[in-house]
Amino acid sequence: MNKVRKLAGSPFEPGRREQNKLAKAERIREATSSLFKKHGYSSATMRQIALRAHVGLGTLFNYAEDKRDLIFFVFNQELAELTEAALAADGGNDLIGRLLAIYRCHYDYFGSKPELSRILLQELTFYSSGKQAEAFLQTRRRLIDGIEAIVRTAQRKGEIESAEDAQFIARHLFFVYSAAIRWWIAGARPDANAGLADLRRLLELQVRGLAPLAKRKTSRSSRTR
């Protein structure tokens, strides 16, 4: 995980108390990551993590209510940074290319740490309460909002024929990605390129639809009359 960084002599350099707080948070992230990978999510305990991080059990509960909360404490900051980088990625001019550029960042990231990513992607289902929940939900909203902006652009350009609300379409696109990345990460050796190739097929099917070509053309011509 990211180490605490500071600029020597900078007027923004954190004070000793803030440095200690940042160092403590980093120890908790490192201890959580290490013990989850060593013992497994089910077997590792909050007490073991507190001991490994050299903090009291009560202090650990200030950061997370339970192990589920802890895995989000480990990931939340990096997920927020990842989302901003993904939304800024250059995917060209077509809809699927822009979506895949966003999702490539996620596949590369999760593929670099599959053991912990499996835990995260498993535990985020129905994750709506906990000390770390709001930060995670903000990041997810930011990602879906970014996809919605891409959808609106595609609608203006005529890439999307559906008259459905852009927000609804964005949620649909996000759902396909969410299911696809869980399917992919469950593999023994998840390869990002293979996962993205599979996701491309799913997105192409989603964007083009399942209706026969003649029916799609008829539907298009009837709307232009």
Protein backbone atom coordinates (compact mmCIF):
# COMPACT_ATOMS: atom_id res chain seq x y z
CA MET A 1 0.00 0.00 0.00
CA ASN A 2 1.07 3.61 -0.37
CA LYS A 3 3.66 4.80 2.07
CA VAL A 4 3.33 8.09 3.93
CA ARG A 5 4.94 10.72 1.73
CA LYS A 6 6.06 14.21 2.69
CA LEU A 7 8.14 17.04 1.28
CA ALA A 8 11.00 18.00 3.55
CA GLY A 9 10.79 21.61 4.62
CA SER A 10 7.38 22.02 3.00
CA PRO A 11 4.93 24.33 4.80
CA PHE A 12 2.41 21.52 4.26
CA GLU A 13 4.56 18.92 6.04
CA PRO A 14 2.37 17.26 8.71
CA GLY A 15 3.21 17.81 12.36
CA ARG A 16 4.44 15.02 14.62
CA ARG A 17 0.97 14.11 15.81
CA GLU A 18 -0.35 13.89 12.24
CA GLN A 19 2.71 11.90 11.15
CA ASN A 20 2.09 9.42 13.96
CA LYS A 21 -1.54 9.12 12.92
CA LEU A 22 -0.61 8.49 9.28
CA ALA A 23 2.04 5.95 10.29
CA LYS A 24 -0.47 4.14 12.51
CA ALA A 25 -3.01 3.96 9.69
CA GLU A 26 -0.34 2.59 7.36
CA ARG A 27 0.65 -0.08 9.92
CA ILE A 28 -2.98 -1.15 10.16
CA ARG A 29 -3.27 -1.40 6.37
CA GLU A 30 -0.05 -3.40 6.15
CA ALA A 31 -1.05 -5.72 9.01
CA THR A 32 -4.49 -6.30 7.55
CA SER A 33 -3.12 -7.06 4.09
CA SER A 34 -0.42 -9.36 5.41
CA LEU A 35 -2.65 -11.39 7.75
CA PHE A 36 -5.51 -11.71 5.29
CA LYS A 37 -3.07 -13.11 2.72
CA LYS A 38 -1.31 -15.36 5.25
CA HIS A 39 -4.27 -16.78 7.20
CA GLY A 40 -7.18 -16.03 4.90
CA TYR A 41 -10.03 -13.62 5.45
CA SER A 42 -12.09 -16.02 7.55
CA SER A 43 -9.27 -17.09 9.89
CA ALA A 44 -7.50 -13.78 10.55
CA THR A 45 -8.83 -11.96 13.62
CA MET A 46 -9.10 -8.32 14.61
CA ARG A 47 -6.91 -9.06 17.66
CA GLN A 48 -4.16 -10.53 15.47
CA ILE A 49 -4.28 -7.49 13.21
CA ALA A 50 -4.08 -5.10 16.18
CA LEU A 51 -1.07 -6.97 17.56
CA ARG A 52 0.67 -7.01 14.18
CA ALA A 53 0.03 -3.27 13.73
CA HIS A 54 1.22 -2.48 17.28
CA VAL A 55 -2.04 -0.77 18.23
CA GLY A 56 -4.64 -1.51 20.86
CA LEU A 57 -7.75 -3.41 19.87
CA GLY A 58 -9.84 -0.37 20.83
CA THR A 59 -7.73 1.79 18.52
CA LEU A 60 -8.31 -0.64 15.66
CA PHE A 61 -12.07 -0.36 16.18
CA ASN A 62 -11.74 3.40 15.73
CA TYR A 63 -10.80 2.68 12.11
CA ALA A 64 -13.12 -0.21 11.33
CA GLU A 65 -16.11 -1.90 12.92
CA ASP A 66 -15.14 -5.39 11.72
CA LYS A 67 -12.97 -7.27 9.23
CA ARG A 68 -15.26 -6.28 6.37
CA ASP A 69 -14.75 -2.64 7.23
CA LEU A 70 -11.00 -3.23 7.45
CA ILE A 71 -10.66 -4.48 3.88
CA PHE A 72 -12.26 -1.23 2.71
CA PHE A 73 -9.94 0.76 4.96
CA VAL A 74 -7.07 -0.95 3.13
CA PHE A 75 -8.46 -0.14 -0.32
CA ASN A 76 -10.51 3.08 -0.08
CA GLN A 77 -7.80 5.66 -0.69
CA GLU A 78 -6.29 3.76 -3.61
CA LEU A 79 -9.73 3.08 -5.11
CA ALA A 80 -10.49 6.81 -5.07
CA GLU A 81 -7.19 7.58 -6.82
CA LEU A 82 -7.75 4.70 -9.25
CA THR A 83 -11.20 6.00 -10.18
CA GLU A 84 -9.89 9.46 -11.03
CA ALA A 85 -7.08 7.99 -13.13
CA ALA A 86 -9.51 5.64 -14.90
CA LEU A 87 -11.96 8.41 -15.77
CA ALA A 88 -9.09 10.44 -17.22
CA ALA A 89 -7.83 7.54 -19.36
CA ASP A 90 -7.84 8.03 -23.13
CA GLY A 91 -10.04 5.45 -24.82
CA GLY A 92 -10.46 7.07 -28.20
CA ASN A 93 -13.74 8.30 -29.65
CA ASP A 94 -16.03 5.27 -29.60
CA LEU A 95 -18.22 4.28 -26.64
CA ILE A 96 -16.80 0.81 -26.02
CA GLY A 97 -13.23 2.08 -26.34
CA ARG A 98 -13.83 4.75 -23.71
CA LEU A 99 -15.46 2.25 -21.35
CA LEU A 100 -12.65 -0.28 -21.77
CA ALA A 101 -10.05 2.40 -21.02
CA ILE A 102 -11.78 2.98 -17.68
CA TYR A 103 -12.12 -0.68 -16.90
CA ARG A 104 -8.55 -1.53 -17.95
CA CYS A 105 -7.29 0.52 -15.02
CA HIS A 106 -9.42 -1.58 -12.67
CA TYR A 107 -8.43 -4.91 -14.20
CA ASP A 108 -4.74 -4.02 -14.04
CA TYR A 109 -5.07 -2.87 -10.44
CA PHE A 110 -7.07 -5.83 -9.12
CA GLY A 111 -4.97 -8.27 -11.12
CA SER A 112 -1.83 -6.99 -9.38
CA LYS A 113 -3.17 -8.14 -5.98
CA PRO A 114 -5.64 -10.96 -6.65
CA GLU A 115 -5.79 -12.42 -3.12
CA LEU A 116 -6.93 -9.17 -1.51
CA SER A 117 -9.01 -8.14 -4.52
CA ARG A 118 -11.05 -11.33 -4.25
CA ILE A 119 -11.90 -10.41 -0.67
CA LEU A 120 -12.82 -6.85 -1.60
CA LEU A 121 -14.98 -7.80 -4.58
CA GLN A 122 -16.72 -10.45 -2.52
CA GLU A 123 -17.41 -8.19 0.44
CA LEU A 124 -18.61 -5.07 -1.38
CA THR A 125 -21.99 -6.66 -2.10
CA PHE A 126 -24.56 -4.96 0.15
CA TYR A 127 -21.80 -2.92 1.79
CA SER A 128 -23.66 0.17 2.94
CA SER A 129 -22.82 0.62 6.63
CA GLY A 130 -19.58 0.82 8.53
CA LYS A 131 -16.90 3.40 9.25
CA GLN A 132 -15.45 3.06 5.74
CA ALA A 133 -18.73 2.65 3.83
CA GLU A 134 -19.38 6.27 2.89
CA ALA A 135 -15.90 6.73 1.39
CA PHE A 136 -16.38 3.61 -0.72
CA LEU A 137 -19.88 4.61 -1.81
CA GLN A 138 -18.62 8.07 -2.85
CA THR A 139 -15.98 6.45 -5.05
CA ARG A 140 -18.55 4.14 -6.63
CA ARG A 141 -20.87 7.09 -7.29
CA ARG A 142 -17.98 8.98 -8.87
CA LEU A 143 -17.30 6.07 -11.22
CA ILE A 144 -20.94 5.68 -12.26
CA ASP A 145 -21.26 9.46 -12.73
CA GLY A 146 -18.22 9.33 -14.99
CA ILE A 147 -19.77 6.53 -17.03
CA GLU A 148 -22.98 8.53 -17.24
CA ALA A 149 -21.08 11.47 -18.74
CA ILE A 150 -19.65 9.13 -21.41
CA VAL A 151 -23.15 7.81 -22.13
CA ARG A 152 -24.51 11.33 -22.58
CA THR A 153 -21.76 12.09 -25.06
CA ALA A 154 -22.52 8.87 -26.94
CA GLN A 155 -26.21 9.77 -27.05
CA ARG A 156 -25.45 13.18 -28.52
CA LYS A 157 -23.24 11.58 -31.17
CA GLY A 158 -25.89 9.00 -32.06
CA GLU A 159 -23.85 6.03 -30.83
CA ILE A 160 -26.70 5.05 -28.51
CA GLU A 161 -30.17 4.81 -29.98
CA SER A 162 -32.00 4.05 -26.75
CA ALA A 163 -34.06 6.87 -25.32
CA GLU A 164 -33.51 5.54 -21.81
CA ASP A 165 -32.13 7.97 -19.25
CA ALA A 166 -28.32 8.22 -19.34
CA GLN A 167 -28.09 7.50 -15.63
CA PHE A 168 -30.04 4.26 -16.05
CA ILE A 169 -27.86 3.17 -18.99
CA ALA A 170 -24.72 3.98 -17.00
CA ARG A 171 -25.94 1.80 -14.14
CA HIS A 172 -26.60 -1.01 -16.61
CA LEU A 173 -23.07 -0.71 -18.03
CA PHE A 174 -21.64 -0.67 -14.51
CA PHE A 175 -23.55 -3.82 -13.59
CA VAL A 176 -22.05 -5.72 -16.53
CA TYR A 177 -18.55 -4.66 -15.48
CA SER A 178 -19.21 -5.53 -11.82
CA ALA A 179 -20.30 -9.06 -12.65
CA ALA A 180 -17.57 -9.58 -15.26
CA ILE A 181 -14.71 -8.56 -12.97
CA ARG A 182 -15.91 -10.88 -10.21
CA TRP A 183 -16.11 -13.77 -12.68
CA TRP A 184 -12.59 -12.93 -13.90
CA ILE A 185 -10.90 -12.43 -10.49
CA ALA A 186 -12.18 -15.83 -9.33
CA GLY A 187 -9.83 -17.53 -11.79
CA ALA A 188 -6.62 -19.10 -10.53
CA ARG A 189 -4.41 -16.69 -12.51
CA PRO A 190 -6.50 -13.71 -13.63
CA ASP A 191 -4.94 -12.15 -16.71
CA ALA A 192 -6.03 -8.56 -17.34
CA ASN A 193 -5.90 -8.81 -21.13
CA ALA A 194 -8.02 -11.96 -21.17
CA GLY A 195 -10.49 -10.42 -18.76
CA LEU A 196 -10.81 -7.28 -20.85
CA ALA A 197 -11.29 -9.30 -24.03
CA ASP A 198 -14.19 -11.08 -22.35
CA LEU A 199 -15.58 -7.78 -21.09
CA ARG A 200 -15.37 -6.28 -24.59
CA ARG A 201 -17.57 -9.11 -25.92
CA LEU A 202 -20.08 -8.48 -23.14
CA LEU A 203 -20.15 -4.74 -23.80
CA GLU A 204 -20.51 -5.23 -27.55
CA LEU A 205 -23.44 -7.55 -26.92
CA GLN A 206 -24.91 -5.04 -24.51
CA VAL A 207 -24.50 -2.05 -26.84
CA ARG A 208 -25.62 -3.82 -30.03
CA GLY A 209 -28.46 -5.74 -28.43
CA LEU A 210 -29.86 -9.19 -29.09
CA ALA A 211 -32.61 -8.26 -31.56
CA PRO A 212 -32.25 -9.46 -35.18
CA LEU A 213 -30.46 -6.96 -37.42
CA ALA A 214 -33.53 -6.46 -39.65
CA LYS A 215 -35.67 -5.69 -36.63
CA ARG A 216 -33.15 -3.17 -35.36
CA LYS A 217 -33.09 -1.44 -38.74
CA THR A 218 -36.92 -1.35 -38.85
CA SER A 219 -37.03 0.07 -35.37
CA ARG A 220 -34.48 2.73 -36.32
CA SER A 221 -36.35 3.78 -39.46
CA SER A 222 -39.68 4.01 -37.63
CA ARG A 223 -38.17 6.40 -35.12
CA THR A 224 -36.86 8.71 -37.84
CA ARG A 225 -40.24 9.21 -39.55
